[in-house]
Amino acid sequence: MKHGVFVAPFGHLADPHRLMDLGRAVEESGWDGLFLW
């Protein structure tokens, strides 16, 4: 089974730089993907 992180790109997550940082953290933590709602 694979697991991913889903986020809604609104508010502070609308900033592309924050999404890149979050994507790196998700990947380093072993999650299988980061998906935008």
PDB file of N, CA and C in Angstrom:
ATOM      1  N   MET A   1       0.837  -1.160   0.000  1.00  0.00           N
ATOM      2  CA  MET A   1       0.000   0.000   0.000  1.00  0.00           C
ATOM      3  C   MET A   1       0.896   1.241   0.000  1.00  0.00           C
ATOM      4  N   LYS A   2       0.496   2.234  -0.751  1.00  0.00           N
ATOM      5  CA  LYS A   2       1.242   3.489  -0.786  1.00  0.00           C
ATOM      6  C   LYS A   2       0.442   4.571  -0.079  1.00  0.00           C
ATOM      7  N   HIS A   3       1.156   5.538   0.466  1.00  0.00           N
ATOM      8  CA  HIS A   3       0.520   6.631   1.194  1.00  0.00           C
ATOM      9  C   HIS A   3       1.005   7.957   0.648  1.00  0.00           C
ATOM     10  N   GLY A   4       0.101   8.906   0.580  1.00  0.00           N
ATOM     11  CA  GLY A   4       0.453  10.233   0.087  1.00  0.00           C
ATOM     12  C   GLY A   4      -0.100  11.309   0.993  1.00  0.00           C
ATOM     13  N   VAL A   5       0.357  12.508   0.759  1.00  0.00           N
ATOM     14  CA  VAL A   5      -0.097  13.682   1.497  1.00  0.00           C
ATOM     15  C   VAL A   5      -0.881  14.551   0.520  1.00  0.00           C
ATOM     16  N   PHE A   6      -2.115  14.887   0.873  1.00  0.00           N
ATOM     17  CA  PHE A   6      -2.949  15.757   0.054  1.00  0.00           C
ATOM     18  C   PHE A   6      -3.060  17.108   0.746  1.00  0.00           C
ATOM     19  N   VAL A   7      -2.854  18.179   0.007  1.00  0.00           N
ATOM     20  CA  VAL A   7      -2.986  19.525   0.573  1.00  0.00           C
ATOM     21  C   VAL A   7      -3.839  20.380  -0.353  1.00  0.00           C
ATOM     22  N   ALA A   8      -4.523  21.339   0.238  1.00  0.00           N
ATOM     23  CA  ALA A   8      -5.280  22.333  -0.529  1.00  0.00           C
ATOM     24  C   ALA A   8      -4.401  23.575  -0.641  1.00  0.00           C
ATOM     25  N   PRO A   9      -4.095  24.017  -1.861  1.00  0.00           N
ATOM     26  CA  PRO A   9      -3.162  25.131  -2.042  1.00  0.00           C
ATOM     27  C   PRO A   9      -3.809  26.495  -1.800  1.00  0.00           C
ATOM     28  N   PHE A  10      -4.272  26.711  -0.587  1.00  0.00           N
ATOM     29  CA  PHE A  10      -4.885  27.980  -0.211  1.00  0.00           C
ATOM     30  C   PHE A  10      -4.159  28.538   1.003  1.00  0.00           C
ATOM     31  N   GLY A  11      -4.319  29.819   1.248  1.00  0.00           N
ATOM     32  CA  GLY A  11      -3.686  30.441   2.405  1.00  0.00           C
ATOM     33  C   GLY A  11      -2.175  30.355   2.310  1.00  0.00           C
ATOM     34  N   HIS A  12      -1.529  29.960   3.402  1.00  0.00           N
ATOM     35  CA  HIS A  12      -0.060  29.918   3.401  1.00  0.00           C
ATOM     36  C   HIS A  12       0.486  28.828   2.480  1.00  0.00           C
ATOM     37  N   LEU A  13      -0.336  27.839   2.119  1.00  0.00           N
ATOM     38  CA  LEU A  13       0.126  26.799   1.191  1.00  0.00           C
ATOM     39  C   LEU A  13      -0.025  27.210  -0.273  1.00  0.00           C
ATOM     40  N   ALA A  14      -0.494  28.421  -0.534  1.00  0.00           N
ATOM     41  CA  ALA A  14      -0.574  28.915  -1.910  1.00  0.00           C
ATOM     42  C   ALA A  14       0.787  29.412  -2.399  1.00  0.00           C
ATOM     43  N   ASP A  15       1.725  29.574  -1.493  1.00  0.00           N
ATOM     44  CA  ASP A  15       3.073  30.034  -1.843  1.00  0.00           C
ATOM     45  C   ASP A  15       3.863  28.869  -2.444  1.00  0.00           C
ATOM     46  N   PRO A  16       4.318  28.993  -3.700  1.00  0.00           N
ATOM     47  CA  PRO A  16       5.046  27.891  -4.338  1.00  0.00           C
ATOM     48  C   PRO A  16       6.300  27.467  -3.585  1.00  0.00           C
ATOM     49  N   HIS A  17       6.960  28.406  -2.931  1.00  0.00           N
ATOM     50  CA  HIS A  17       8.175  28.066  -2.179  1.00  0.00           C
ATOM     51  C   HIS A  17       7.836  27.184  -0.977  1.00  0.00           C
ATOM     52  N   ARG A  18       6.725  27.462  -0.326  1.00  0.00           N
ATOM     53  CA  ARG A  18       6.311  26.604   0.792  1.00  0.00           C
ATOM     54  C   ARG A  18       5.942  25.211   0.303  1.00  0.00           C
ATOM     55  N   LEU A  19       5.293  25.146  -0.862  1.00  0.00           N
ATOM     56  CA  LEU A  19       4.947  23.832  -1.414  1.00  0.00           C
ATOM     57  C   LEU A  19       6.196  23.038  -1.774  1.00  0.00           C
ATOM     58  N   MET A  20       7.221  23.717  -2.284  1.00  0.00           N
ATOM     59  CA  MET A  20       8.479  23.016  -2.589  1.00  0.00           C
ATOM     60  C   MET A  20       9.119  22.497  -1.308  1.00  0.00           C
ATOM     61  N   ASP A  21       9.128  23.321  -0.263  1.00  0.00           N
ATOM     62  CA  ASP A  21       9.686  22.882   1.018  1.00  0.00           C
ATOM     63  C   ASP A  21       8.891  21.703   1.574  1.00  0.00           C
ATOM     64  N   LEU A  22       7.578  21.797   1.474  1.00  0.00           N
ATOM     65  CA  LEU A  22       6.728  20.707   1.953  1.00  0.00           C
ATOM     66  C   LEU A  22       6.979  19.436   1.146  1.00  0.00           C
ATOM     67  N   GLY A  23       7.119  19.579  -0.166  1.00  0.00           N
ATOM     68  CA  GLY A  23       7.402  18.422  -1.017  1.00  0.00           C
ATOM     69  C   GLY A  23       8.700  17.734  -0.646  1.00  0.00           C
ATOM     70  N   ARG A  24       9.714  18.523  -0.372  1.00  0.00           N
ATOM     71  CA  ARG A  24      11.000  17.937   0.057  1.00  0.00           C
ATOM     72  C   ARG A  24      10.845  17.201   1.381  1.00  0.00           C
ATOM     73  N   ALA A  25      10.145  17.822   2.327  1.00  0.00           N
ATOM     74  CA  ALA A  25       9.952  17.204   3.638  1.00  0.00           C
ATOM     75  C   ALA A  25       9.148  15.909   3.520  1.00  0.00           C
ATOM     76  N   VAL A  26       8.130  15.917   2.665  1.00  0.00           N
ATOM     77  CA  VAL A  26       7.313  14.720   2.454  1.00  0.00           C
ATOM     78  C   VAL A  26       8.172  13.595   1.878  1.00  0.00           C
ATOM     79  N   GLU A  27       8.973  13.919   0.877  1.00  0.00           N
ATOM     80  CA  GLU A  27       9.829  12.905   0.249  1.00  0.00           C
ATOM     81  C   GLU A  27      10.857  12.365   1.236  1.00  0.00           C
ATOM     82  N   GLU A  28      11.486  13.252   1.991  1.00  0.00           N
ATOM     83  CA  GLU A  28      12.501  12.821   2.961  1.00  0.00           C
ATOM     84  C   GLU A  28      11.898  11.982   4.081  1.00  0.00           C
ATOM     85  N   SER A  29      10.603  12.182   4.353  1.00  0.00           N
ATOM     86  CA  SER A  29       9.937  11.431   5.422  1.00  0.00           C
ATOM     87  C   SER A  29       9.448  10.062   4.967  1.00  0.00           C
ATOM     88  N   GLY A  30       9.596   9.773   3.663  1.00  0.00           N
ATOM     89  CA  GLY A  30       9.239   8.448   3.179  1.00  0.00           C
ATOM     90  C   GLY A  30       7.839   8.322   2.593  1.00  0.00           C
ATOM     91  N   TRP A  31       7.095   9.420   2.483  1.00  0.00           N
ATOM     92  CA  TRP A  31       5.778   9.366   1.862  1.00  0.00           C
ATOM     93  C   TRP A  31       5.946   9.085   0.380  1.00  0.00           C
ATOM     94  N   ASP A  32       4.909   8.535  -0.240  1.00  0.00           N
ATOM     95  CA  ASP A  32       4.976   8.157  -1.648  1.00  0.00           C
ATOM     96  C   ASP A  32       4.596   9.282  -2.603  1.00  0.00           C
ATOM     97  N   GLY A  33       3.969  10.323  -2.107  1.00  0.00           N
ATOM     98  CA  GLY A  33       3.607  11.414  -3.004  1.00  0.00           C
ATOM     99  C   GLY A  33       3.008  12.595  -2.275  1.00  0.00           C
ATOM    100  N   LEU A  34       3.019  13.720  -2.956  1.00  0.00           N
ATOM    101  CA  LEU A  34       2.376  14.950  -2.483  1.00  0.00           C
ATOM    102  C   LEU A  34       1.417  15.368  -3.580  1.00  0.00           C
ATOM    103  N   PHE A  35       0.167  15.552  -3.219  1.00  0.00           N
ATOM    104  CA  PHE A  35      -0.872  15.857  -4.194  1.00  0.00           C
ATOM    105  C   PHE A  35      -1.601  17.130  -3.801  1.00  0.00           C
ATOM    106  N   LEU A  36      -1.915  17.936  -4.804  1.00  0.00           N
ATOM    107  CA  LEU A  36      -2.681  19.157  -4.570  1.00  0.00           C
ATOM    108  C   LEU A  36      -4.151  18.877  -4.799  1.00  0.00           C
ATOM    109  N   TRP A  37      -4.976  19.430  -3.950  1.00  0.00           N
ATOM    110  CA  TRP A  37      -6.411  19.244  -4.042  1.00  0.00           C
ATOM    111  C   TRP A  37      -6.960  20.076  -5.144  1.00  0.00           C
TER     112      TRP A  37
END
